[in-house]
Amino acid sequence: MWVESNRYVLRINYPEDSLKQVFDRFKPQNNEYMIRGFKIYWSYHTSNITLYRDGKLPGWKGITEEEDNKKMKIGLDELISFLRQFI
């Protein structure tokens, strides 16, 4: 996982065939807004999973960097918990 500007990028370190199986199970459940306050993108099994802030919802504007990091970590934790059911 690494941070790029206003998003967190998650890379699952699995062999490509295993990653495709995870992706194929995840894709029917995928909704970019499935975690409130965030947008999630995972378009292909070899691409990284990207977690963005949903800036259209209240709560992101005017917060400190520390508060922002805490909220992003909560979103990342929810994403990882969700992904575990497919791994």
C-alpha atoms as a PDB file:
ATOM      1  CA  MET A   1       0.000   0.000   0.000  1.00  0.00           C
ATOM      2  CA  TRP A   2       1.182   3.500  -0.733  1.00  0.00           C
ATOM      3  CA  VAL A   3      -0.305   6.979  -0.775  1.00  0.00           C
ATOM      4  CA  GLU A   4      -0.566   9.022  -3.966  1.00  0.00           C
ATOM      5  CA  SER A   5      -1.902  12.531  -3.544  1.00  0.00           C
ATOM      6  CA  ASN A   6      -5.543  12.100  -2.447  1.00  0.00           C
ATOM      7  CA  ARG A   7      -5.767   8.311  -2.680  1.00  0.00           C
ATOM      8  CA  TYR A   8      -4.436   5.101  -1.220  1.00  0.00           C
ATOM      9  CA  VAL A   9      -3.232   2.433  -3.622  1.00  0.00           C
ATOM     10  CA  LEU A  10      -3.349  -1.207  -2.569  1.00  0.00           C
ATOM     11  CA  ARG A  11      -1.457  -3.949  -4.367  1.00  0.00           C
ATOM     12  CA  ILE A  12      -2.202  -7.581  -3.579  1.00  0.00           C
ATOM     13  CA  ASN A  13       1.007  -9.555  -3.927  1.00  0.00           C
ATOM     14  CA  TYR A  14      -0.386 -12.803  -5.361  1.00  0.00           C
ATOM     15  CA  PRO A  15       0.479 -14.763  -8.485  1.00  0.00           C
ATOM     16  CA  GLU A  16      -1.557 -13.560 -11.444  1.00  0.00           C
ATOM     17  CA  ASP A  17      -3.785 -16.649 -11.649  1.00  0.00           C
ATOM     18  CA  SER A  18      -4.674 -16.401  -7.929  1.00  0.00           C
ATOM     19  CA  LEU A  19      -5.263 -12.684  -8.242  1.00  0.00           C
ATOM     20  CA  LYS A  20      -7.611 -13.279 -11.172  1.00  0.00           C
ATOM     21  CA  GLN A  21      -9.643 -15.692  -9.040  1.00  0.00           C
ATOM     22  CA  VAL A  22      -9.913 -13.099  -6.260  1.00  0.00           C
ATOM     23  CA  PHE A  23     -10.850 -10.399  -8.777  1.00  0.00           C
ATOM     24  CA  ASP A  24     -13.488 -12.596 -10.438  1.00  0.00           C
ATOM     25  CA  ARG A  25     -15.148 -13.224  -7.052  1.00  0.00           C
ATOM     26  CA  PHE A  26     -14.857  -9.549  -6.045  1.00  0.00           C
ATOM     27  CA  LYS A  27     -16.082  -7.953  -9.285  1.00  0.00           C
ATOM     28  CA  PRO A  28     -19.813  -8.868  -9.002  1.00  0.00           C
ATOM     29  CA  GLN A  29     -19.850  -7.325  -5.492  1.00  0.00           C
ATOM     30  CA  ASN A  30     -17.944  -4.224  -6.520  1.00  0.00           C
ATOM     31  CA  ASN A  31     -19.638  -0.864  -6.294  1.00  0.00           C
ATOM     32  CA  GLU A  32     -17.358   2.158  -6.313  1.00  0.00           C
ATOM     33  CA  TYR A  33     -19.352   3.636  -3.386  1.00  0.00           C
ATOM     34  CA  MET A  34     -19.618   0.447  -1.291  1.00  0.00           C
ATOM     35  CA  ILE A  35     -17.761   2.072   1.612  1.00  0.00           C
ATOM     36  CA  ARG A  36     -19.470   5.284   2.709  1.00  0.00           C
ATOM     37  CA  GLY A  37     -17.231   8.304   2.281  1.00  0.00           C
ATOM     38  CA  PHE A  38     -14.953   6.605  -0.251  1.00  0.00           C
ATOM     39  CA  LYS A  39     -14.727   5.498  -3.860  1.00  0.00           C
ATOM     40  CA  ILE A  40     -13.024   2.268  -4.827  1.00  0.00           C
ATOM     41  CA  TYR A  41     -11.631   1.371  -8.224  1.00  0.00           C
ATOM     42  CA  TRP A  42     -10.323  -2.012  -9.306  1.00  0.00           C
ATOM     43  CA  SER A  43     -10.811  -2.381 -13.022  1.00  0.00           C
ATOM     44  CA  TYR A  44      -8.653  -5.384 -13.896  1.00  0.00           C
ATOM     45  CA  HIS A  45      -7.033  -8.184 -11.915  1.00  0.00           C
ATOM     46  CA  THR A  46      -3.498  -6.987 -12.685  1.00  0.00           C
ATOM     47  CA  SER A  47      -4.238  -3.380 -11.726  1.00  0.00           C
ATOM     48  CA  ASN A  48      -3.922  -1.932  -8.247  1.00  0.00           C
ATOM     49  CA  ILE A  49      -6.931  -1.218  -6.050  1.00  0.00           C
ATOM     50  CA  THR A  50      -7.388   2.495  -5.474  1.00  0.00           C
ATOM     51  CA  LEU A  51      -9.273   4.039  -2.549  1.00  0.00           C
ATOM     52  CA  TYR A  52     -10.299   7.684  -2.991  1.00  0.00           C
ATOM     53  CA  ARG A  53     -12.040  10.121  -0.691  1.00  0.00           C
ATOM     54  CA  ASP A  54     -15.594  10.829  -1.808  1.00  0.00           C
ATOM     55  CA  GLY A  55     -15.303  14.609  -1.658  1.00  0.00           C
ATOM     56  CA  LYS A  56     -18.996  15.016  -2.468  1.00  0.00           C
ATOM     57  CA  LEU A  57     -19.898  13.832   1.022  1.00  0.00           C
ATOM     58  CA  PRO A  58     -19.473  16.105   4.030  1.00  0.00           C
ATOM     59  CA  GLY A  59     -16.636  15.462   6.421  1.00  0.00           C
ATOM     60  CA  TRP A  60     -13.583  15.794   4.203  1.00  0.00           C
ATOM     61  CA  LYS A  61     -13.309  19.567   3.850  1.00  0.00           C
ATOM     62  CA  GLY A  62     -11.480  21.606   6.437  1.00  0.00           C
ATOM     63  CA  ILE A  63      -9.960  18.697   8.348  1.00  0.00           C
ATOM     64  CA  THR A  64      -6.334  18.422   9.380  1.00  0.00           C
ATOM     65  CA  GLU A  65      -3.901  16.102   7.658  1.00  0.00           C
ATOM     66  CA  GLU A  66      -3.906  13.907  10.767  1.00  0.00           C
ATOM     67  CA  GLU A  67      -7.727  13.641  10.716  1.00  0.00           C
ATOM     68  CA  ASP A  68      -7.599  12.915   6.993  1.00  0.00           C
ATOM     69  CA  ASN A  69      -5.073  10.120   7.527  1.00  0.00           C
ATOM     70  CA  LYS A  70      -7.210   8.591  10.293  1.00  0.00           C
ATOM     71  CA  LYS A  71     -10.309   8.619   8.076  1.00  0.00           C
ATOM     72  CA  MET A  72      -8.389   7.150   5.138  1.00  0.00           C
ATOM     73  CA  LYS A  73      -7.052   4.386   7.389  1.00  0.00           C
ATOM     74  CA  ILE A  74     -10.608   3.556   8.460  1.00  0.00           C
ATOM     75  CA  GLY A  75     -11.623   3.296   4.795  1.00  0.00           C
ATOM     76  CA  LEU A  76      -8.583   1.160   4.006  1.00  0.00           C
ATOM     77  CA  ASP A  77      -9.343  -1.149   6.940  1.00  0.00           C
ATOM     78  CA  GLU A  78     -12.936  -1.550   5.709  1.00  0.00           C
ATOM     79  CA  LEU A  79     -11.709  -2.307   2.187  1.00  0.00           C
ATOM     80  CA  ILE A  80      -9.249  -4.931   3.433  1.00  0.00           C
ATOM     81  CA  SER A  81     -11.930  -6.534   5.623  1.00  0.00           C
ATOM     82  CA  PHE A  82     -14.256  -6.683   2.623  1.00  0.00           C
ATOM     83  CA  LEU A  83     -11.552  -8.188   0.375  1.00  0.00           C
ATOM     84  CA  ARG A  84     -10.710 -10.937   2.882  1.00  0.00           C
ATOM     85  CA  GLN A  85     -13.901 -12.820   2.028  1.00  0.00           C
ATOM     86  CA  PHE A  86     -12.601 -13.303  -1.527  1.00  0.00           C
ATOM     87  CA  ILE A  87      -9.068 -14.388  -0.609  1.00  0.00           C
END
